[in-house]
């Protein structure tokens, strides 16, 4: 399933209104799903790691291969996107952070299940440092629930 916000963010990345450079930036995407956003970022020169739940990640991997390699398995991007399973708040040590700095932690359409808000925040905290930029994009669906996420987010990050 392609979420509208993922499509909108990928289109925004290509637009004349977008003025940030992802060239040579290390990016990790949470809840990558089909991989659209991460694939778009890789074409903009980012070194991307796409993550999602273990039962979803094979679809992400397939899309990444189909869209970032030519028919001879030659990469079409400077950095070949990496795809890794990640369940928020669980087994975070599988993503060693010693000596690793993510310039961006990105999550598009990841704010919709209230029960995992704390796990999402824990994961973002684990993967980021004081210089990491965090980009979260989502559609407001249930104002009270979404406000709870914003409150939680503001408790841990500078907005």
C-alpha atoms as a PDB file:
ATOM      1  CA  UNK A   1       0.000   0.000   0.000  1.00  0.00           C
ATOM      2  CA  UNK A   2       1.351   3.424  -0.944  1.00  0.00           C
ATOM      3  CA  UNK A   3       0.325   6.052   1.569  1.00  0.00           C
ATOM      4  CA  UNK A   4      -0.494   9.452   0.078  1.00  0.00           C
ATOM      5  CA  UNK A   5       1.982  11.203   2.369  1.00  0.00           C
ATOM      6  CA  UNK A   6       4.836   9.011   1.123  1.00  0.00           C
ATOM      7  CA  UNK A   7       3.978   9.906  -2.462  1.00  0.00           C
ATOM      8  CA  UNK A   8       3.606  13.578  -1.518  1.00  0.00           C
ATOM      9  CA  UNK A   9       6.975  13.610   0.280  1.00  0.00           C
ATOM     10  CA  UNK A  10       8.742  11.898  -2.637  1.00  0.00           C
ATOM     11  CA  UNK A  11       7.218  14.452  -5.032  1.00  0.00           C
ATOM     12  CA  UNK A  12       8.250  17.283  -2.696  1.00  0.00           C
ATOM     13  CA  UNK A  13      11.841  15.986  -2.747  1.00  0.00           C
ATOM     14  CA  UNK A  14      11.840  16.413  -6.532  1.00  0.00           C
ATOM     15  CA  UNK A  15      10.181  19.828  -6.550  1.00  0.00           C
ATOM     16  CA  UNK A  16      11.767  23.238  -7.017  1.00  0.00           C
ATOM     17  CA  UNK A  17      10.448  24.160  -3.543  1.00  0.00           C
ATOM     18  CA  UNK A  18      12.741  21.631  -1.872  1.00  0.00           C
ATOM     19  CA  UNK A  19      16.031  23.236  -0.885  1.00  0.00           C
ATOM     20  CA  UNK A  20      17.805  20.680   1.333  1.00  0.00           C
ATOM     21  CA  UNK A  21      20.632  18.529   0.031  1.00  0.00           C
ATOM     22  CA  UNK A  22      20.704  14.843   0.867  1.00  0.00           C
ATOM     23  CA  UNK A  23      23.897  14.299  -1.132  1.00  0.00           C
ATOM     24  CA  UNK A  24      26.267  12.055   0.868  1.00  0.00           C
ATOM     25  CA  UNK A  25      23.968  12.230   3.921  1.00  0.00           C
ATOM     26  CA  UNK A  26      23.369   9.105   5.971  1.00  0.00           C
ATOM     27  CA  UNK A  27      19.623   8.526   6.287  1.00  0.00           C
ATOM     28  CA  UNK A  28      17.579   5.877   8.060  1.00  0.00           C
ATOM     29  CA  UNK A  29      13.901   5.557   7.205  1.00  0.00           C
ATOM     30  CA  UNK A  30      11.507   4.033   9.718  1.00  0.00           C
ATOM     31  CA  UNK A  31       8.420   2.209   8.468  1.00  0.00           C
ATOM     32  CA  UNK A  32       9.643   2.307   4.869  1.00  0.00           C
ATOM     33  CA  UNK A  33       6.899   0.046   3.509  1.00  0.00           C
ATOM     34  CA  UNK A  34       7.271  -0.026  -0.271  1.00  0.00           C
ATOM     35  CA  UNK A  35      10.479   1.980  -0.004  1.00  0.00           C
ATOM     36  CA  UNK A  36       9.316   4.896  -2.139  1.00  0.00           C
ATOM     37  CA  UNK A  37      10.736   7.647   0.088  1.00  0.00           C
ATOM     38  CA  UNK A  38      14.049   5.873   0.682  1.00  0.00           C
ATOM     39  CA  UNK A  39      14.420   5.103  -3.022  1.00  0.00           C
ATOM     40  CA  UNK A  40      13.758   8.757  -3.893  1.00  0.00           C
ATOM     41  CA  UNK A  41      16.354   9.840  -1.315  1.00  0.00           C
ATOM     42  CA  UNK A  42      18.917   7.430  -2.739  1.00  0.00           C
ATOM     43  CA  UNK A  43      18.470   8.998  -6.182  1.00  0.00           C
ATOM     44  CA  UNK A  44      19.221  12.339  -4.511  1.00  0.00           C
ATOM     45  CA  UNK A  45      22.599  10.983  -3.391  1.00  0.00           C
ATOM     46  CA  UNK A  46      21.754   9.847   0.144  1.00  0.00           C
ATOM     47  CA  UNK A  47      23.207   6.749   1.784  1.00  0.00           C
ATOM     48  CA  UNK A  48      19.882   5.234   2.881  1.00  0.00           C
ATOM     49  CA  UNK A  49      18.932   2.399   5.197  1.00  0.00           C
ATOM     50  CA  UNK A  50      15.253   1.485   4.878  1.00  0.00           C
ATOM     51  CA  UNK A  51      13.608  -0.336   7.773  1.00  0.00           C
ATOM     52  CA  UNK A  52      10.270  -1.949   8.456  1.00  0.00           C
ATOM     53  CA  UNK A  53       8.777  -4.902  10.289  1.00  0.00           C
ATOM     54  CA  UNK A  54      10.311  -8.321   9.541  1.00  0.00           C
ATOM     55  CA  UNK A  55       7.177  -9.546   7.733  1.00  0.00           C
ATOM     56  CA  UNK A  56       7.113  -6.450   5.464  1.00  0.00           C
ATOM     57  CA  UNK A  57      10.787  -6.047   4.651  1.00  0.00           C
ATOM     58  CA  UNK A  58      10.935  -8.600   1.799  1.00  0.00           C
ATOM     59  CA  UNK A  59       8.562  -6.375  -0.212  1.00  0.00           C
ATOM     60  CA  UNK A  60      10.696  -3.344   0.564  1.00  0.00           C
ATOM     61  CA  UNK A  61      13.809  -5.221  -0.534  1.00  0.00           C
ATOM     62  CA  UNK A  62      12.195  -6.305  -3.805  1.00  0.00           C
ATOM     63  CA  UNK A  63      11.108  -2.746  -4.640  1.00  0.00           C
ATOM     64  CA  UNK A  64      14.547  -1.361  -3.820  1.00  0.00           C
ATOM     65  CA  UNK A  65      16.225  -3.875  -6.134  1.00  0.00           C
ATOM     66  CA  UNK A  66      13.715  -3.293  -8.938  1.00  0.00           C
ATOM     67  CA  UNK A  67      14.066   0.484  -8.762  1.00  0.00           C
ATOM     68  CA  UNK A  68      17.736   1.100  -7.948  1.00  0.00           C
ATOM     69  CA  UNK A  69      19.481  -1.501 -10.155  1.00  0.00           C
ATOM     70  CA  UNK A  70      19.474  -1.852 -13.916  1.00  0.00           C
ATOM     71  CA  UNK A  71      18.933  -5.159 -15.749  1.00  0.00           C
ATOM     72  CA  UNK A  72      22.623  -6.042 -15.303  1.00  0.00           C
ATOM     73  CA  UNK A  73      22.438  -5.468 -11.526  1.00  0.00           C
ATOM     74  CA  UNK A  74      24.418  -2.259 -11.862  1.00  0.00           C
ATOM     75  CA  UNK A  75      23.460   0.313  -9.222  1.00  0.00           C
ATOM     76  CA  UNK A  76      21.609   3.365 -10.520  1.00  0.00           C
ATOM     77  CA  UNK A  77      22.435   5.381  -7.383  1.00  0.00           C
ATOM     78  CA  UNK A  78      25.720   6.418  -5.793  1.00  0.00           C
ATOM     79  CA  UNK A  79      24.844   4.403  -2.692  1.00  0.00           C
ATOM     80  CA  UNK A  80      22.915   1.162  -2.909  1.00  0.00           C
ATOM     81  CA  UNK A  81      20.102   1.424  -0.342  1.00  0.00           C
ATOM     82  CA  UNK A  82      20.312  -1.030   2.538  1.00  0.00           C
ATOM     83  CA  UNK A  83      17.146  -2.757   3.758  1.00  0.00           C
ATOM     84  CA  UNK A  84      16.927  -4.064   7.328  1.00  0.00           C
ATOM     85  CA  UNK A  85      14.160  -5.372   9.558  1.00  0.00           C
ATOM     86  CA  UNK A  86      13.382  -3.225  12.578  1.00  0.00           C
ATOM     87  CA  UNK A  87      10.599  -3.475  15.117  1.00  0.00           C
ATOM     88  CA  UNK A  88      10.428  -0.183  17.004  1.00  0.00           C
ATOM     89  CA  UNK A  89      11.712  -0.434  20.550  1.00  0.00           C
ATOM     90  CA  UNK A  90      12.937  -4.024  20.064  1.00  0.00           C
ATOM     91  CA  UNK A  91      16.452  -5.390  19.429  1.00  0.00           C
ATOM     92  CA  UNK A  92      17.871  -1.929  18.840  1.00  0.00           C
ATOM     93  CA  UNK A  93      21.385  -3.251  19.465  1.00  0.00           C
ATOM     94  CA  UNK A  94      21.142  -4.775  15.962  1.00  0.00           C
ATOM     95  CA  UNK A  95      21.714  -1.203  14.785  1.00  0.00           C
ATOM     96  CA  UNK A  96      25.052  -0.336  16.383  1.00  0.00           C
ATOM     97  CA  UNK A  97      25.372   3.379  16.886  1.00  0.00           C
ATOM     98  CA  UNK A  98      28.996   3.516  18.021  1.00  0.00           C
ATOM     99  CA  UNK A  99      30.800   5.357  15.244  1.00  0.00           C
ATOM    100  CA  UNK A 100      27.577   5.653  13.236  1.00  0.00           C
ATOM    101  CA  UNK A 101      25.883   8.997  12.761  1.00  0.00           C
ATOM    102  CA  UNK A 102      22.607   9.344  10.906  1.00  0.00           C
ATOM    103  CA  UNK A 103      22.192  12.806   9.456  1.00  0.00           C
ATOM    104  CA  UNK A 104      18.454  12.170   9.134  1.00  0.00           C
ATOM    105  CA  UNK A 105      15.913   9.860  10.730  1.00  0.00           C
ATOM    106  CA  UNK A 106      12.814   9.916   8.558  1.00  0.00           C
ATOM    107  CA  UNK A 107       9.369   8.466   9.202  1.00  0.00           C
ATOM    108  CA  UNK A 108       6.503   9.145   6.827  1.00  0.00           C
ATOM    109  CA  UNK A 109       3.064   7.856   7.883  1.00  0.00           C
ATOM    110  CA  UNK A 110       4.420   6.271  11.068  1.00  0.00           C
ATOM    111  CA  UNK A 111       2.055   8.030  13.490  1.00  0.00           C
ATOM    112  CA  UNK A 112      -1.129   5.995  13.468  1.00  0.00           C
ATOM    113  CA  UNK A 113      -0.979   3.310  16.183  1.00  0.00           C
ATOM    114  CA  UNK A 114      -0.960   4.891  19.631  1.00  0.00           C
ATOM    115  CA  UNK A 115       0.249   1.705  21.331  1.00  0.00           C
ATOM    116  CA  UNK A 116       3.648   2.017  19.612  1.00  0.00           C
ATOM    117  CA  UNK A 117       4.250   5.755  20.092  1.00  0.00           C
ATOM    118  CA  UNK A 118       6.686   5.184  22.961  1.00  0.00           C
ATOM    119  CA  UNK A 119       8.527   2.475  21.009  1.00  0.00           C
ATOM    120  CA  UNK A 120       8.780   4.831  18.030  1.00  0.00           C
ATOM    121  CA  UNK A 121      10.196   7.614  20.233  1.00  0.00           C
ATOM    122  CA  UNK A 122      12.635   5.160  21.867  1.00  0.00           C
ATOM    123  CA  UNK A 123      13.829   4.035  18.438  1.00  0.00           C
ATOM    124  CA  UNK A 124      14.276   7.580  17.149  1.00  0.00           C
ATOM    125  CA  UNK A 125      16.235   8.487  20.297  1.00  0.00           C
ATOM    126  CA  UNK A 126      18.447   5.430  19.881  1.00  0.00           C
ATOM    127  CA  UNK A 127      19.233   6.184  16.229  1.00  0.00           C
ATOM    128  CA  UNK A 128      19.785   9.920  16.585  1.00  0.00           C
ATOM    129  CA  UNK A 129      22.280  12.215  18.215  1.00  0.00           C
ATOM    130  CA  UNK A 130      22.374  15.960  18.839  1.00  0.00           C
ATOM    131  CA  UNK A 131      23.152  16.686  15.163  1.00  0.00           C
ATOM    132  CA  UNK A 132      20.530  14.396  13.619  1.00  0.00           C
ATOM    133  CA  UNK A 133      17.545  15.961  11.909  1.00  0.00           C
ATOM    134  CA  UNK A 134      14.286  14.111  12.382  1.00  0.00           C
ATOM    135  CA  UNK A 135      11.594  14.377   9.737  1.00  0.00           C
ATOM    136  CA  UNK A 136       8.185  12.931  10.616  1.00  0.00           C
ATOM    137  CA  UNK A 137       5.320  13.325   8.182  1.00  0.00           C
ATOM    138  CA  UNK A 138       1.784  12.114   8.713  1.00  0.00           C
ATOM    139  CA  UNK A 139      -1.833  12.933   8.083  1.00  0.00           C
ATOM    140  CA  UNK A 140      -3.820  14.085  11.098  1.00  0.00           C
ATOM    141  CA  UNK A 141      -6.521  11.471  11.516  1.00  0.00           C
ATOM    142  CA  UNK A 142      -7.523  11.545  15.185  1.00  0.00           C
ATOM    143  CA  UNK A 143      -6.621  14.893  16.715  1.00  0.00           C
ATOM    144  CA  UNK A 144      -6.361  13.690  20.328  1.00  0.00           C
ATOM    145  CA  UNK A 145      -4.169  10.729  19.399  1.00  0.00           C
ATOM    146  CA  UNK A 146      -1.946  12.783  17.114  1.00  0.00           C
ATOM    147  CA  UNK A 147      -1.625  15.499  19.778  1.00  0.00           C
ATOM    148  CA  UNK A 148      -0.429  12.835  22.199  1.00  0.00           C
ATOM    149  CA  UNK A 149       2.355  11.895  19.784  1.00  0.00           C
ATOM    150  CA  UNK A 150       3.378  15.539  19.376  1.00  0.00           C
ATOM    151  CA  UNK A 151       3.506  15.969  23.174  1.00  0.00           C
ATOM    152  CA  UNK A 152       5.627  12.834  23.548  1.00  0.00           C
ATOM    153  CA  UNK A 153       7.904  13.934  20.719  1.00  0.00           C
ATOM    154  CA  UNK A 154       8.410  17.389  22.235  1.00  0.00           C
ATOM    155  CA  UNK A 155       9.396  15.804  25.566  1.00  0.00           C
ATOM    156  CA  UNK A 156      12.427  14.229  23.896  1.00  0.00           C
ATOM    157  CA  UNK A 157      13.364  16.411  20.930  1.00  0.00           C
ATOM    158  CA  UNK A 158      13.812  20.074  20.085  1.00  0.00           C
ATOM    159  CA  UNK A 159      11.073  21.110  17.651  1.00  0.00           C
END
